[in-house]
Amino acid sequence: MPSFFFDTSGLVKKYIRELGTNWVMQTLNPSRNHRIYVAPTTCVELHATLKRRELDVTMMKSADVREELQYDLLKRFYAVPVTDTLLSMGCDIAWKYALRGYDAIQLASALSIAAGYTRPARKTPVTFVSADPELLGAAHSEGFAVEDPNDYE
């Protein structure tokens, strides 16, 4: 079963139509049987982004988007638990790559998932999805295959 880790900048395209939405919707389609992981901060980041961009929510009413988001976070996506180890990894990653705080937690979360898989030749079977070039670069440096939904129409 293919596994993807979505950071907030990639996942928001499910709820707000913008460049890359079609690719995200195809990747998240339940019939594809992909396992989708998210960071523990994703809920907060998505709510903040969706509220700030409420006028951009063109796919459905704002209340419906929030309801769908809640369903996805509870039933469809696998959230990485917050642990002291995750926070410590986030600190190390923030320092190593000069990432913003929540971005460092995103990458630390993905690394904690990848640690559960075999990592031959430093490659992980978890694909890291983000629309943030700096975060994608750091994820690639950590051995992830990366996807930027903005590369697709």
C-alpha atoms as a PDB file:
ATOM      1  CA  MET A   1       0.000   0.000   0.000  1.00  0.00           C
ATOM      2  CA  PRO A   2       1.608   3.296  -1.057  1.00  0.00           C
ATOM      3  CA  SER A   3       2.089   5.774   1.777  1.00  0.00           C
ATOM      4  CA  PHE A   4       2.137   9.552   1.614  1.00  0.00           C
ATOM      5  CA  PHE A   5       2.906  12.174   4.212  1.00  0.00           C
ATOM      6  CA  PHE A   6       1.030  15.411   3.475  1.00  0.00           C
ATOM      7  CA  ASP A   7       2.136  18.666   5.014  1.00  0.00           C
ATOM      8  CA  THR A   8      -0.469  21.393   5.364  1.00  0.00           C
ATOM      9  CA  SER A   9       0.490  23.270   2.193  1.00  0.00           C
ATOM     10  CA  GLY A  10      -0.199  20.137   0.168  1.00  0.00           C
ATOM     11  CA  LEU A  11      -3.294  19.013   2.037  1.00  0.00           C
ATOM     12  CA  VAL A  12      -5.048  22.403   1.916  1.00  0.00           C
ATOM     13  CA  LYS A  13      -5.507  21.843  -1.824  1.00  0.00           C
ATOM     14  CA  LYS A  14      -8.171  19.270  -0.979  1.00  0.00           C
ATOM     15  CA  TYR A  15     -10.319  21.978   0.595  1.00  0.00           C
ATOM     16  CA  ILE A  16      -9.446  25.053  -1.483  1.00  0.00           C
ATOM     17  CA  ARG A  17      -9.318  24.826  -5.274  1.00  0.00           C
ATOM     18  CA  GLU A  18      -5.922  25.978  -6.489  1.00  0.00           C
ATOM     19  CA  LEU A  19      -3.025  24.733  -8.572  1.00  0.00           C
ATOM     20  CA  GLY A  20      -2.446  21.064  -7.697  1.00  0.00           C
ATOM     21  CA  THR A  21      -5.963  20.340  -6.400  1.00  0.00           C
ATOM     22  CA  ASN A  22      -6.662  17.721  -9.070  1.00  0.00           C
ATOM     23  CA  TRP A  23      -3.483  15.794  -8.266  1.00  0.00           C
ATOM     24  CA  VAL A  24      -4.218  15.950  -4.522  1.00  0.00           C
ATOM     25  CA  MET A  25      -7.807  14.753  -5.044  1.00  0.00           C
ATOM     26  CA  GLN A  26      -6.596  11.827  -7.173  1.00  0.00           C
ATOM     27  CA  THR A  27      -3.928  10.878  -4.642  1.00  0.00           C
ATOM     28  CA  LEU A  28      -6.364  11.078  -1.719  1.00  0.00           C
ATOM     29  CA  ASN A  29      -9.133   9.186  -3.517  1.00  0.00           C
ATOM     30  CA  PRO A  30     -10.036   6.249  -1.214  1.00  0.00           C
ATOM     31  CA  SER A  31     -10.189   3.881  -4.204  1.00  0.00           C
ATOM     32  CA  ARG A  32      -6.418   4.352  -4.625  1.00  0.00           C
ATOM     33  CA  ASN A  33      -5.924   2.682  -1.227  1.00  0.00           C
ATOM     34  CA  HIS A  34      -3.111   5.025  -0.172  1.00  0.00           C
ATOM     35  CA  ARG A  35      -2.197   5.446   3.459  1.00  0.00           C
ATOM     36  CA  ILE A  36      -2.135   9.155   4.299  1.00  0.00           C
ATOM     37  CA  TYR A  37      -0.144  10.483   7.259  1.00  0.00           C
ATOM     38  CA  VAL A  38      -0.256  13.984   8.733  1.00  0.00           C
ATOM     39  CA  ALA A  39       1.556  15.807  11.533  1.00  0.00           C
ATOM     40  CA  PRO A  40      -0.151  16.515  14.854  1.00  0.00           C
ATOM     41  CA  THR A  41      -0.078  20.236  13.988  1.00  0.00           C
ATOM     42  CA  THR A  42      -1.974  19.767  10.730  1.00  0.00           C
ATOM     43  CA  CYS A  43      -5.392  20.227  12.330  1.00  0.00           C
ATOM     44  CA  VAL A  44      -4.411  23.615  13.761  1.00  0.00           C
ATOM     45  CA  GLU A  45      -2.666  24.762  10.595  1.00  0.00           C
ATOM     46  CA  LEU A  46      -5.551  23.736   8.331  1.00  0.00           C
ATOM     47  CA  HIS A  47      -8.176  25.393  10.506  1.00  0.00           C
ATOM     48  CA  ALA A  48      -6.137  28.607  10.582  1.00  0.00           C
ATOM     49  CA  THR A  49      -5.510  28.540   6.845  1.00  0.00           C
ATOM     50  CA  LEU A  50      -9.104  27.733   5.938  1.00  0.00           C
ATOM     51  CA  LYS A  51     -10.478  30.450   8.213  1.00  0.00           C
ATOM     52  CA  ARG A  52      -8.029  33.049   6.883  1.00  0.00           C
ATOM     53  CA  ARG A  53      -8.873  32.059   3.321  1.00  0.00           C
ATOM     54  CA  GLU A  54     -12.580  31.564   3.892  1.00  0.00           C
ATOM     55  CA  LEU A  55     -13.463  33.596   0.818  1.00  0.00           C
ATOM     56  CA  ASP A  56     -11.311  31.278  -1.311  1.00  0.00           C
ATOM     57  CA  VAL A  57     -13.206  28.168  -0.270  1.00  0.00           C
ATOM     58  CA  THR A  58     -14.944  27.715  -3.589  1.00  0.00           C
ATOM     59  CA  MET A  59     -15.544  23.989  -3.536  1.00  0.00           C
ATOM     60  CA  MET A  60     -18.237  24.082  -0.834  1.00  0.00           C
ATOM     61  CA  LYS A  61     -19.532  26.204   2.024  1.00  0.00           C
ATOM     62  CA  SER A  62     -17.090  26.978   4.805  1.00  0.00           C
ATOM     63  CA  ALA A  63     -19.068  24.975   7.394  1.00  0.00           C
ATOM     64  CA  ASP A  64     -19.089  21.947   5.070  1.00  0.00           C
ATOM     65  CA  VAL A  65     -15.334  22.246   4.559  1.00  0.00           C
ATOM     66  CA  ARG A  66     -14.764  22.235   8.298  1.00  0.00           C
ATOM     67  CA  GLU A  67     -17.019  19.200   8.721  1.00  0.00           C
ATOM     68  CA  GLU A  68     -15.186  17.335   5.949  1.00  0.00           C
ATOM     69  CA  LEU A  69     -11.839  18.291   7.456  1.00  0.00           C
ATOM     70  CA  GLN A  70     -12.890  16.958  10.860  1.00  0.00           C
ATOM     71  CA  TYR A  71     -14.045  13.695   9.271  1.00  0.00           C
ATOM     72  CA  ASP A  72     -10.789  13.324   7.328  1.00  0.00           C
ATOM     73  CA  LEU A  73      -8.650  13.958  10.398  1.00  0.00           C
ATOM     74  CA  LEU A  74     -10.599  11.428  12.467  1.00  0.00           C
ATOM     75  CA  LYS A  75     -11.332   8.708   9.913  1.00  0.00           C
ATOM     76  CA  ARG A  76      -9.141   8.969   6.810  1.00  0.00           C
ATOM     77  CA  PHE A  77      -5.735  10.290   7.821  1.00  0.00           C
ATOM     78  CA  TYR A  78      -3.250   8.852  10.279  1.00  0.00           C
ATOM     79  CA  ALA A  79      -2.001  11.578  12.633  1.00  0.00           C
ATOM     80  CA  VAL A  80       1.439  11.157  14.139  1.00  0.00           C
ATOM     81  CA  PRO A  81       1.212  11.382  17.938  1.00  0.00           C
ATOM     82  CA  VAL A  82       2.966  14.172  19.802  1.00  0.00           C
ATOM     83  CA  THR A  83       5.837  12.785  21.850  1.00  0.00           C
ATOM     84  CA  ASP A  84       8.912  14.232  23.511  1.00  0.00           C
ATOM     85  CA  THR A  85      10.993  12.433  20.883  1.00  0.00           C
ATOM     86  CA  LEU A  86       9.029  14.076  18.071  1.00  0.00           C
ATOM     87  CA  LEU A  87       9.524  17.526  19.604  1.00  0.00           C
ATOM     88  CA  SER A  88      13.230  16.880  20.108  1.00  0.00           C
ATOM     89  CA  MET A  89      13.555  15.748  16.487  1.00  0.00           C
ATOM     90  CA  GLY A  90      11.701  18.897  15.442  1.00  0.00           C
ATOM     91  CA  CYS A  91      14.246  21.028  17.294  1.00  0.00           C
ATOM     92  CA  ASP A  92      17.135  19.232  15.590  1.00  0.00           C
ATOM     93  CA  ILE A  93      15.512  19.560  12.157  1.00  0.00           C
ATOM     94  CA  ALA A  94      14.731  23.256  12.664  1.00  0.00           C
ATOM     95  CA  TRP A  95      18.382  23.841  13.503  1.00  0.00           C
ATOM     96  CA  LYS A  96      19.761  21.653  10.721  1.00  0.00           C
ATOM     97  CA  TYR A  97      17.646  23.129   7.895  1.00  0.00           C
ATOM     98  CA  ALA A  98      16.659  26.555   9.309  1.00  0.00           C
ATOM     99  CA  LEU A  99      12.981  25.649   8.905  1.00  0.00           C
ATOM    100  CA  ARG A 100      10.022  27.383  10.525  1.00  0.00           C
ATOM    101  CA  GLY A 101       8.809  25.648  13.695  1.00  0.00           C
ATOM    102  CA  TYR A 102       5.735  23.875  12.352  1.00  0.00           C
ATOM    103  CA  ASP A 103       7.630  22.879   9.195  1.00  0.00           C
ATOM    104  CA  ALA A 104      10.254  21.212  11.360  1.00  0.00           C
ATOM    105  CA  ILE A 105       7.474  19.315  13.164  1.00  0.00           C
ATOM    106  CA  GLN A 106       6.049  18.282   9.780  1.00  0.00           C
ATOM    107  CA  LEU A 107       9.376  16.770   8.714  1.00  0.00           C
ATOM    108  CA  ALA A 108       9.996  15.212  12.123  1.00  0.00           C
ATOM    109  CA  SER A 109       6.546  13.596  11.901  1.00  0.00           C
ATOM    110  CA  ALA A 110       7.308  12.170   8.487  1.00  0.00           C
ATOM    111  CA  LEU A 111      10.647  10.849   9.713  1.00  0.00           C
ATOM    112  CA  SER A 112       8.972   9.148  12.657  1.00  0.00           C
ATOM    113  CA  ILE A 113       6.641   7.368  10.225  1.00  0.00           C
ATOM    114  CA  ALA A 114       9.478   6.433   7.878  1.00  0.00           C
ATOM    115  CA  ALA A 115      11.406   4.931  10.799  1.00  0.00           C
ATOM    116  CA  GLY A 116       8.754   2.211  10.913  1.00  0.00           C
ATOM    117  CA  TYR A 117       9.597   1.184   7.365  1.00  0.00           C
ATOM    118  CA  THR A 118      12.763  -0.354   6.028  1.00  0.00           C
ATOM    119  CA  ARG A 119      14.994   2.357   4.614  1.00  0.00           C
ATOM    120  CA  PRO A 120      17.305   0.739   2.063  1.00  0.00           C
ATOM    121  CA  ALA A 121      19.811   3.152   0.544  1.00  0.00           C
ATOM    122  CA  ARG A 122      18.351   5.976   2.655  1.00  0.00           C
ATOM    123  CA  LYS A 123      15.122   5.901   0.648  1.00  0.00           C
ATOM    124  CA  THR A 124      11.797   5.589   2.383  1.00  0.00           C
ATOM    125  CA  PRO A 125       8.625   4.220   0.809  1.00  0.00           C
ATOM    126  CA  VAL A 126       6.761   7.207   2.278  1.00  0.00           C
ATOM    127  CA  THR A 127       6.387  10.032  -0.255  1.00  0.00           C
ATOM    128  CA  PHE A 128       6.563  13.513   1.259  1.00  0.00           C
ATOM    129  CA  VAL A 129       3.997  15.937  -0.236  1.00  0.00           C
ATOM    130  CA  SER A 130       4.323  19.694   0.175  1.00  0.00           C
ATOM    131  CA  ALA A 131       3.977  22.910  -1.794  1.00  0.00           C
ATOM    132  CA  ASP A 132       6.836  24.468   0.187  1.00  0.00           C
ATOM    133  CA  PRO A 133      10.146  24.307  -1.736  1.00  0.00           C
ATOM    134  CA  GLU A 134      12.323  24.684   1.398  1.00  0.00           C
ATOM    135  CA  LEU A 135      10.515  21.891   3.197  1.00  0.00           C
ATOM    136  CA  LEU A 136      10.637  19.671   0.100  1.00  0.00           C
ATOM    137  CA  GLY A 137      14.385  20.232  -0.123  1.00  0.00           C
ATOM    138  CA  ALA A 138      14.876  19.243   3.503  1.00  0.00           C
ATOM    139  CA  ALA A 139      12.646  16.167   3.065  1.00  0.00           C
ATOM    140  CA  HIS A 140      14.601  15.139  -0.027  1.00  0.00           C
ATOM    141  CA  SER A 141      17.854  15.547   1.910  1.00  0.00           C
ATOM    142  CA  GLU A 142      16.439  13.183   4.530  1.00  0.00           C
ATOM    143  CA  GLY A 143      15.864  10.490   1.893  1.00  0.00           C
ATOM    144  CA  PHE A 144      12.217  11.022   0.962  1.00  0.00           C
ATOM    145  CA  ALA A 145      10.760  10.871  -2.492  1.00  0.00           C
ATOM    146  CA  VAL A 146       8.990  14.220  -2.745  1.00  0.00           C
ATOM    147  CA  GLU A 147       5.982  15.532  -4.629  1.00  0.00           C
ATOM    148  CA  ASP A 148       4.931  19.141  -5.093  1.00  0.00           C
ATOM    149  CA  PRO A 149       1.240  19.304  -6.091  1.00  0.00           C
ATOM    150  CA  ASN A 150       2.008  22.645  -7.763  1.00  0.00           C
ATOM    151  CA  ASP A 151       3.854  20.666 -10.440  1.00  0.00           C
ATOM    152  CA  TYR A 152       0.491  19.342 -11.637  1.00  0.00           C
ATOM    153  CA  GLU A 153      -2.520  21.140 -13.056  1.00  0.00           C
END
